[in-house]
Amino acid sequence: MKTAQHLGLNTLRDGVSWQFVQKTAYGDVNFKDYDKIVKIITEDYNMNILSTITSTADFAKEPFAEKYANNNPPPVWWSYPPNTAMFTDYISKLANRYANNSKIIWEIWNEPDCCFSQGFFCGTTEQYLEILRIAATEIRKVNPNAYVAPGGLALNVQYGTANNHHDMYEYFLGYRELIDQGLIDGYGIHIHGAFDDEAFLNPIVKYNNSATNANIRNVETMVMESGVPIAQENAASHLVDKMLYFRSHGKKMFIQFSLMDLPGLEPEKNKGIFTKKLAPRDSAIAYAALIGKLGQASYKETISNVTSLYAARYYDKEKDQTIVPVYSQEGKGETIMIPNNSYVYDMYGNIMYGGKLTTEKTYVASLSPIYIVVSGNQQITL
């Protein structure tokens, strides 16, 4: 926790697994362990918690959707759709327990659009939207001002076409209705991998089009889970580019998949920005530099939004300075002119060119972002 706080993070994600807190249908819920987690995050460290309500209890599972009947191996119990009466009882007790905690952001399920051998939801879209409605209703009863959102949709996770039901449009139609009813506040995405067309931009375009076609506009979108495998070449650059892209495209949150390496995962799957002993990787240093440069800054405008040059202008009122991050997809960068009287920092926060520029300087944008900083609230031409 101290490391997370020192890094500048303000929100941590943790889940409530139904099976482990309620042992029988309509029985008591054991909040002991989760009480400790909530207290540490929201009280001791004054941070928000993205609380993911997930995993159907074994005693509450209903038959999974017929389309997954041939799954091999079959879905596990926690990915089955729950009995709605039992779920209502459980979520009501959970909502009442934490009704007065304003630092909890409720995420209802995890990747409800994915069904594979180890989870996450193997019911129909309609079944998921029903448990989302139930959860939001019960939470709103005891805390009308709570922030409630659906589980993040997995934009580019591929578990095999037979195991995905990726018609995002169906989810967005349901979200539209729940937004209109005042039950949910926004929605989220999960997106992993490189900052390129295949893993990132194409899924984002598909996602945005689905939302627009369902008439969802001007609604908060959160990046509830993202990351880059530590084995990915230039992992830190890919990660920070994604953060910068979302920051300038109106996304309200970015949750790094894991702070440190997870036990048993190979580098191809592990996305920890720290080692198991909390030694920082390049990604952690770049993460901290981004927060240091833009954490208190306000987005002002997009200067360029093409794969050869991404640049946006931010203003930090407290420091009275303008910050412009500059980056591109790998191997596609175009040449820009950095204005004089500016300071330029690399992605790790190190000063470049020895100090303040006295004349304009050319620079070729790259996968590794830079930060151009000038005094005051200024327009910047590159």
Protein backbone atom coordinates (compact mmCIF):
# COMPACT_ATOMS: atom_id res chain seq x y z
CA MET A 1 0.00 0.00 0.00
CA LYS A 2 2.79 2.41 0.82
CA THR A 3 4.37 1.69 -2.55
CA ALA A 4 1.07 2.32 -4.34
CA GLN A 5 0.55 5.57 -2.48
CA HIS A 6 4.13 6.72 -3.14
CA LEU A 7 3.63 5.97 -6.83
CA GLY A 8 0.71 8.40 -6.86
CA LEU A 9 -2.13 5.92 -7.31
CA ASN A 10 -5.55 6.92 -5.95
CA THR A 11 -7.64 3.80 -6.67
CA LEU A 12 -7.03 0.09 -6.10
CA ARG A 13 -9.14 -2.77 -7.43
CA ASP A 14 -10.17 -5.68 -5.23
CA GLY A 15 -12.98 -8.19 -5.51
CA VAL A 16 -15.63 -9.76 -3.32
CA SER A 17 -15.99 -13.48 -4.13
CA TRP A 18 -19.45 -14.60 -3.10
CA GLN A 19 -18.47 -18.23 -2.49
CA PHE A 20 -16.00 -17.29 0.23
CA VAL A 21 -18.17 -14.91 2.25
CA GLN A 22 -21.55 -16.66 2.22
CA LYS A 23 -21.58 -20.43 2.65
CA THR A 24 -25.31 -21.16 2.36
CA ALA A 25 -28.25 -19.65 0.53
CA TYR A 26 -29.74 -16.71 2.46
CA GLY A 27 -27.20 -17.27 5.24
CA ASP A 28 -25.05 -14.77 7.08
CA VAL A 29 -22.27 -13.05 5.16
CA ASN A 30 -18.81 -13.04 6.74
CA PHE A 31 -17.43 -9.56 6.14
CA LYS A 32 -14.38 -9.94 8.39
CA ASP A 33 -11.67 -10.18 5.72
CA TYR A 34 -13.22 -7.68 3.32
CA ASP A 35 -13.80 -5.20 6.14
CA LYS A 36 -10.04 -5.19 6.69
CA ILE A 37 -9.32 -4.63 3.00
CA VAL A 38 -11.84 -1.79 2.71
CA LYS A 39 -10.56 -0.14 5.89
CA ILE A 40 -6.91 -0.28 4.83
CA ILE A 41 -7.57 1.16 1.38
CA THR A 42 -10.26 3.75 2.09
CA GLU A 43 -9.46 4.81 5.66
CA ASP A 44 -5.81 4.10 6.41
CA TYR A 45 -4.58 5.25 2.99
CA ASN A 46 -7.51 7.45 1.91
CA MET A 47 -7.75 5.84 -1.52
CA ASN A 48 -10.72 4.64 -3.56
CA ILE A 49 -11.47 0.97 -4.05
CA LEU A 50 -12.91 -0.45 -7.26
CA SER A 51 -14.85 -3.27 -5.63
CA THR A 52 -15.64 -6.06 -8.08
CA ILE A 53 -18.67 -8.15 -7.16
CA THR A 54 -18.07 -11.44 -8.91
CA SER A 55 -18.20 -15.22 -8.84
CA THR A 56 -21.45 -17.12 -8.40
CA ALA A 57 -21.54 -19.20 -5.23
CA ASP A 58 -21.71 -22.93 -5.89
CA PHE A 59 -25.03 -23.22 -4.06
CA ALA A 60 -26.60 -20.48 -6.21
CA LYS A 61 -25.64 -21.54 -9.73
CA GLU A 62 -28.25 -21.86 -12.47
CA PRO A 63 -27.70 -23.77 -15.74
CA PHE A 64 -25.23 -22.08 -18.06
CA ALA A 65 -26.23 -20.89 -21.52
CA GLU A 66 -26.87 -23.62 -24.08
CA LYS A 67 -24.28 -22.13 -26.45
CA TYR A 68 -21.55 -23.28 -24.03
CA ALA A 69 -22.79 -26.88 -23.72
CA ASN A 70 -19.84 -28.16 -25.76
CA ASN A 71 -17.17 -26.32 -23.78
CA ASN A 72 -14.26 -28.61 -22.99
CA PRO A 73 -13.66 -28.47 -20.11
CA PRO A 74 -17.11 -27.24 -19.06
CA PRO A 75 -17.56 -23.90 -17.26
CA VAL A 76 -16.64 -23.84 -13.57
CA TRP A 77 -19.25 -23.08 -10.91
CA TRP A 78 -18.28 -19.46 -10.36
CA SER A 79 -19.01 -18.56 -13.99
CA TYR A 80 -22.59 -19.88 -13.94
CA PRO A 81 -25.42 -17.34 -13.85
CA PRO A 82 -26.73 -17.05 -10.27
CA ASN A 83 -30.18 -17.69 -8.88
CA THR A 84 -31.62 -14.18 -8.86
CA ALA A 85 -33.41 -14.47 -5.49
CA MET A 86 -30.24 -15.72 -3.78
CA PHE A 87 -28.18 -13.05 -5.51
CA THR A 88 -30.60 -10.33 -4.42
CA ASP A 89 -30.27 -11.47 -0.79
CA TYR A 90 -26.49 -11.51 -0.99
CA ILE A 91 -26.06 -8.17 -2.73
CA SER A 92 -28.53 -6.51 -0.36
CA LYS A 93 -26.41 -7.56 2.63
CA LEU A 94 -23.24 -6.41 0.90
CA ALA A 95 -24.72 -3.04 -0.05
CA ASN A 96 -26.02 -2.42 3.46
CA ARG A 97 -22.65 -3.26 4.98
CA TYR A 98 -20.82 -0.58 3.03
CA ALA A 99 -23.63 1.91 2.42
CA ASN A 100 -21.82 4.76 4.15
CA ASN A 101 -18.45 4.37 2.42
CA SER A 102 -18.23 6.97 -0.35
CA LYS A 103 -14.85 5.68 -1.57
CA ILE A 104 -16.23 2.42 -2.96
CA ILE A 105 -16.80 2.21 -6.72
CA TRP A 106 -18.94 -0.83 -7.44
CA GLU A 107 -18.07 -2.98 -10.47
CA ILE A 108 -20.70 -5.65 -11.10
CA TRP A 109 -18.91 -8.81 -12.29
CA ASN A 110 -15.70 -9.28 -14.21
CA GLU A 111 -15.65 -9.55 -18.02
CA PRO A 112 -19.26 -10.69 -18.36
CA ASP A 113 -18.71 -11.10 -22.10
CA CYS A 114 -16.23 -13.98 -21.66
CA CYS A 115 -16.86 -17.64 -20.92
CA PHE A 116 -14.00 -20.11 -20.90
CA SER A 117 -12.77 -23.00 -18.78
CA GLN A 118 -11.95 -20.85 -15.71
CA GLY A 119 -14.67 -18.17 -15.85
CA PHE A 120 -15.99 -15.50 -15.95
CA PHE A 121 -19.66 -15.51 -16.99
CA CYS A 122 -21.32 -18.29 -18.95
CA GLY A 123 -24.88 -17.05 -18.94
CA THR A 124 -26.66 -15.07 -21.62
CA THR A 125 -26.37 -11.32 -22.11
CA GLU A 126 -29.91 -10.98 -20.75
CA GLN A 127 -28.99 -12.89 -17.60
CA TYR A 128 -26.02 -10.64 -16.98
CA LEU A 129 -28.06 -7.48 -17.50
CA GLU A 130 -30.59 -8.79 -14.97
CA ILE A 131 -27.99 -9.33 -12.23
CA LEU A 132 -26.54 -5.91 -13.07
CA ARG A 133 -30.00 -4.39 -12.61
CA ILE A 134 -30.51 -6.24 -9.32
CA ALA A 135 -27.13 -5.19 -7.93
CA ALA A 136 -27.53 -1.55 -8.95
CA THR A 137 -31.05 -1.42 -7.50
CA GLU A 138 -30.00 -2.87 -4.13
CA ILE A 139 -26.98 -0.56 -3.89
CA ARG A 140 -29.07 2.51 -4.78
CA LYS A 141 -31.66 1.66 -2.12
CA VAL A 142 -29.16 2.25 0.67
CA ASN A 143 -26.80 4.70 -1.05
CA PRO A 144 -28.40 6.73 -3.86
CA ASN A 145 -25.09 8.49 -4.51
CA ALA A 146 -22.99 5.33 -4.91
CA TYR A 147 -21.00 4.93 -8.11
CA VAL A 148 -22.13 1.76 -9.90
CA ALA A 149 -20.78 0.37 -13.17
CA PRO A 150 -21.00 -2.89 -15.16
CA GLY A 151 -18.06 -5.28 -15.26
CA GLY A 152 -15.46 -4.27 -17.81
CA LEU A 153 -15.91 -5.82 -21.25
CA ALA A 154 -12.83 -7.66 -22.54
CA LEU A 155 -12.10 -5.83 -25.77
CA ASN A 156 -9.20 -7.87 -27.08
CA VAL A 157 -9.07 -11.02 -24.93
CA GLN A 158 -9.30 -14.12 -27.11
CA TYR A 159 -10.19 -17.40 -25.39
CA GLY A 160 -11.41 -18.97 -28.64
CA THR A 161 -14.43 -17.86 -30.63
CA ALA A 162 -16.61 -20.64 -29.20
CA ASN A 163 -16.14 -19.25 -25.70
CA ASN A 164 -16.76 -15.55 -26.31
CA HIS A 165 -20.06 -13.76 -26.76
CA HIS A 166 -18.61 -10.51 -27.96
CA ASP A 167 -21.65 -8.74 -29.37
CA MET A 168 -20.99 -5.61 -27.35
CA TYR A 169 -23.98 -3.89 -28.91
CA GLU A 170 -26.34 -6.13 -26.90
CA TYR A 171 -24.64 -5.07 -23.68
CA PHE A 172 -24.77 -1.40 -24.60
CA LEU A 173 -28.48 -1.56 -25.34
CA GLY A 174 -28.99 -2.86 -21.81
CA TYR A 175 -26.63 -0.26 -20.37
CA ARG A 176 -28.56 2.49 -22.15
CA GLU A 177 -31.76 1.44 -20.37
CA LEU A 178 -30.08 1.25 -16.96
CA ILE A 179 -28.38 4.61 -17.47
CA ASP A 180 -31.74 6.19 -18.35
CA GLN A 181 -33.18 4.69 -15.15
CA GLY A 182 -30.37 6.20 -13.08
CA LEU A 183 -29.12 2.79 -11.97
CA ILE A 184 -25.59 2.85 -13.39
CA ASP A 185 -23.18 5.76 -13.81
CA GLY A 186 -20.82 4.56 -16.51
CA TYR A 187 -19.23 1.48 -17.98
CA GLY A 188 -15.78 -0.02 -18.29
CA ILE A 189 -13.37 -1.84 -20.53
CA HIS A 190 -10.50 -4.28 -20.11
CA ILE A 191 -7.76 -4.09 -22.72
CA HIS A 192 -4.32 -5.68 -22.60
CA GLY A 193 -1.34 -5.94 -24.89
CA ALA A 194 0.60 -3.62 -27.17
CA PHE A 195 -0.20 -0.10 -28.30
CA ASP A 196 -0.87 -0.96 -31.93
CA ASP A 197 -3.77 -1.38 -34.34
CA GLU A 198 -4.53 -5.06 -33.72
CA ALA A 199 -4.47 -5.17 -29.92
CA PHE A 200 -5.55 -1.63 -29.15
CA LEU A 201 -6.95 0.79 -31.71
CA ASN A 202 -9.15 -1.61 -33.69
CA PRO A 203 -10.89 -2.97 -30.56
CA ILE A 204 -11.35 0.59 -29.28
CA VAL A 205 -13.01 1.63 -32.55
CA LYS A 206 -15.33 -1.39 -32.39
CA TYR A 207 -16.20 -0.61 -28.79
CA ASN A 208 -16.91 3.07 -29.48
CA ASN A 209 -19.05 2.22 -32.50
CA SER A 210 -21.13 -0.23 -30.45
CA ALA A 211 -21.74 2.41 -27.79
CA THR A 212 -22.64 5.05 -30.35
CA ASN A 213 -25.03 2.70 -32.19
CA ALA A 214 -26.78 2.05 -28.87
CA ASN A 215 -27.15 5.83 -28.47
CA ILE A 216 -24.75 6.05 -25.53
CA ARG A 217 -22.98 9.39 -25.55
CA ASN A 218 -21.39 11.62 -22.94
CA VAL A 219 -21.28 8.79 -20.40
CA GLU A 220 -18.17 8.09 -18.35
CA THR A 221 -15.98 5.24 -19.52
CA MET A 222 -13.38 3.68 -17.24
CA VAL A 223 -10.40 1.47 -18.06
CA MET A 224 -10.94 -1.04 -15.28
CA GLU A 225 -8.13 -3.38 -16.24
CA SER A 226 -5.16 -3.00 -18.54
CA GLY A 227 -1.56 -4.02 -18.74
CA VAL A 228 1.36 -5.06 -20.90
CA PRO A 229 3.22 -8.38 -20.36
CA ILE A 230 6.68 -7.82 -18.91
CA ALA A 231 8.08 -9.96 -21.76
CA GLN A 232 6.74 -7.46 -24.33
CA GLU A 233 9.58 -5.50 -25.91
CA ASN A 234 9.34 -1.85 -24.81
CA ALA A 235 6.63 -2.81 -22.32
CA ALA A 236 6.90 0.49 -20.44
CA SER A 237 6.37 2.53 -23.61
CA HIS A 238 3.32 0.50 -24.65
CA LEU A 239 1.79 0.85 -21.18
CA VAL A 240 2.33 4.60 -20.85
CA ASP A 241 1.13 5.26 -24.41
CA LYS A 242 -2.15 3.53 -23.56
CA MET A 243 -2.50 5.61 -20.41
CA LEU A 244 -1.82 8.81 -22.32
CA TYR A 245 -4.25 7.85 -25.07
CA PHE A 246 -7.06 7.19 -22.61
CA ARG A 247 -6.24 10.33 -20.63
CA SER A 248 -6.77 12.49 -23.74
CA HIS A 249 -9.85 10.56 -24.89
CA GLY A 250 -12.04 11.19 -21.86
CA LYS A 251 -11.56 7.96 -19.90
CA LYS A 252 -11.97 8.59 -16.18
CA MET A 253 -9.89 5.79 -14.72
CA PHE A 254 -6.97 3.54 -15.58
CA ILE A 255 -6.44 0.40 -13.46
CA GLN A 256 -3.09 -1.33 -13.96
CA PHE A 257 -3.71 -5.11 -14.00
CA SER A 258 -1.23 -5.89 -11.23
CA LEU A 259 1.11 -3.81 -9.11
CA MET A 260 3.61 -6.65 -8.70
CA ASP A 261 4.27 -10.02 -10.32
CA LEU A 262 1.59 -12.61 -9.68
CA PRO A 263 2.74 -16.04 -8.42
CA GLY A 264 2.99 -18.76 -11.03
CA LEU A 265 2.61 -16.59 -14.12
CA GLU A 266 5.21 -16.63 -16.86
CA PRO A 267 6.54 -13.33 -18.27
CA GLU A 268 4.30 -13.75 -21.33
CA LYS A 269 1.26 -13.39 -19.03
CA ASN A 270 2.60 -11.43 -16.07
CA LYS A 271 1.95 -7.71 -16.14
CA GLY A 272 3.43 -6.59 -12.82
CA ILE A 273 5.16 -3.22 -12.89
CA PHE A 274 7.11 -4.29 -9.79
CA THR A 275 8.84 -7.58 -9.09
CA LYS A 276 7.67 -9.87 -6.29
CA LYS A 277 10.15 -8.06 -4.01
CA LEU A 278 8.69 -4.68 -5.07
CA ALA A 279 11.71 -3.68 -7.12
CA PRO A 280 10.39 -1.21 -9.72
CA ARG A 281 10.53 -2.08 -13.39
CA ASP A 282 10.81 0.55 -16.11
CA SER A 283 7.01 0.55 -16.30
CA ALA A 284 6.70 1.66 -12.66
CA ILE A 285 9.14 4.52 -13.14
CA ALA A 286 7.38 5.66 -16.32
CA TYR A 287 4.01 5.28 -14.56
CA ALA A 288 5.19 7.56 -11.74
CA ALA A 289 6.60 10.11 -14.20
CA LEU A 290 3.26 10.32 -16.01
CA ILE A 291 1.37 10.85 -12.75
CA GLY A 292 3.92 13.47 -11.72
CA LYS A 293 3.51 15.39 -14.96
CA LEU A 294 -0.24 15.07 -15.54
CA GLY A 295 -1.75 13.96 -12.23
CA GLN A 296 -2.98 17.45 -11.30
CA ALA A 297 -3.24 18.83 -14.82
CA SER A 298 -6.44 19.51 -16.76
CA TYR A 299 -6.92 18.37 -20.34
CA LYS A 300 -7.32 21.31 -22.69
CA GLU A 301 -7.19 20.10 -26.28
CA THR A 302 -5.94 17.46 -28.67
CA ILE A 303 -3.19 18.71 -30.95
CA SER A 304 -2.81 15.57 -33.07
CA ASN A 305 -4.64 12.23 -33.01
CA VAL A 306 -3.10 10.02 -35.70
CA THR A 307 -0.88 6.96 -35.37
CA SER A 308 2.19 8.92 -36.53
CA LEU A 309 1.68 11.62 -33.89
CA TYR A 310 -0.37 11.74 -30.72
CA ALA A 311 -0.17 14.99 -28.78
CA ALA A 312 -2.50 16.75 -26.36
CA ARG A 313 -2.25 19.92 -24.29
CA TYR A 314 -2.71 19.97 -20.51
CA TYR A 315 -2.50 22.79 -18.00
CA ASP A 316 -1.37 22.45 -14.39
CA LYS A 317 -2.82 25.47 -12.60
CA GLU A 318 -0.88 24.93 -9.38
CA LYS A 319 2.48 24.84 -11.20
CA ASP A 320 1.27 27.30 -13.87
CA GLN A 321 2.67 25.24 -16.70
CA THR A 322 1.51 23.65 -19.93
CA ILE A 323 2.42 20.02 -20.59
CA VAL A 324 2.25 18.31 -23.99
CA PRO A 325 2.93 14.54 -24.16
CA VAL A 326 4.13 13.42 -27.61
CA TYR A 327 4.24 9.83 -28.86
CA SER A 328 3.38 7.59 -31.82
CA GLN A 329 2.91 3.98 -32.78
CA GLU A 330 6.16 2.09 -33.15
CA GLY A 331 8.07 2.98 -36.33
CA LYS A 332 5.44 5.48 -37.53
CA GLY A 333 6.58 8.72 -35.88
CA GLU A 334 6.59 11.99 -37.77
CA THR A 335 8.96 14.90 -37.27
CA ILE A 336 7.82 17.78 -35.08
CA MET A 337 9.30 21.11 -34.08
CA ILE A 338 9.76 21.54 -30.33
CA PRO A 339 9.27 25.22 -29.45
CA ASN A 340 11.99 27.28 -27.79
CA ASN A 341 11.66 28.28 -24.13
CA SER A 342 10.47 24.75 -23.34
CA TYR A 343 11.80 21.92 -21.25
CA VAL A 344 11.64 18.39 -22.62
CA TYR A 345 11.48 15.28 -20.42
CA ASP A 346 11.73 11.65 -21.42
CA MET A 347 9.16 9.06 -20.34
CA TYR A 348 10.98 8.49 -17.06
CA GLY A 349 10.99 12.17 -16.10
CA ASN A 350 14.61 12.87 -17.00
CA ILE A 351 15.43 16.23 -18.54
CA MET A 352 16.53 16.06 -22.18
CA TYR A 353 18.84 18.38 -24.12
CA GLY A 354 20.53 19.60 -20.94
CA GLY A 355 17.89 22.13 -19.92
CA LYS A 356 15.65 24.84 -21.32
CA LEU A 357 15.70 25.11 -25.12
CA THR A 358 16.84 28.46 -26.47
CA THR A 359 15.93 27.66 -30.09
CA GLU A 360 13.42 25.40 -31.81
CA LYS A 361 14.50 21.78 -32.19
CA THR A 362 13.27 18.98 -34.43
CA TYR A 363 12.26 15.66 -32.93
CA VAL A 364 10.87 12.43 -34.39
CA ALA A 365 7.94 11.08 -32.37
CA SER A 366 8.31 7.48 -31.22
CA LEU A 367 6.72 4.77 -29.14
CA SER A 368 8.55 6.20 -26.11
CA PRO A 369 6.69 9.36 -25.14
CA ILE A 370 8.22 12.69 -24.20
CA TYR A 371 6.76 15.61 -22.25
CA ILE A 372 7.15 19.17 -23.53
CA VAL A 373 6.71 21.68 -20.70
CA VAL A 374 6.40 25.47 -20.98
CA SER A 375 5.49 28.15 -18.47
CA GLY A 376 1.93 29.45 -18.26
CA ASN A 377 -1.24 28.36 -20.03
CA GLN A 378 -0.13 28.45 -23.65
CA GLN A 379 -1.16 27.18 -27.04
CA ILE A 380 1.52 24.90 -28.49
CA THR A 381 2.30 24.38 -32.16
CA LEU A 382 4.45 21.39 -33.07
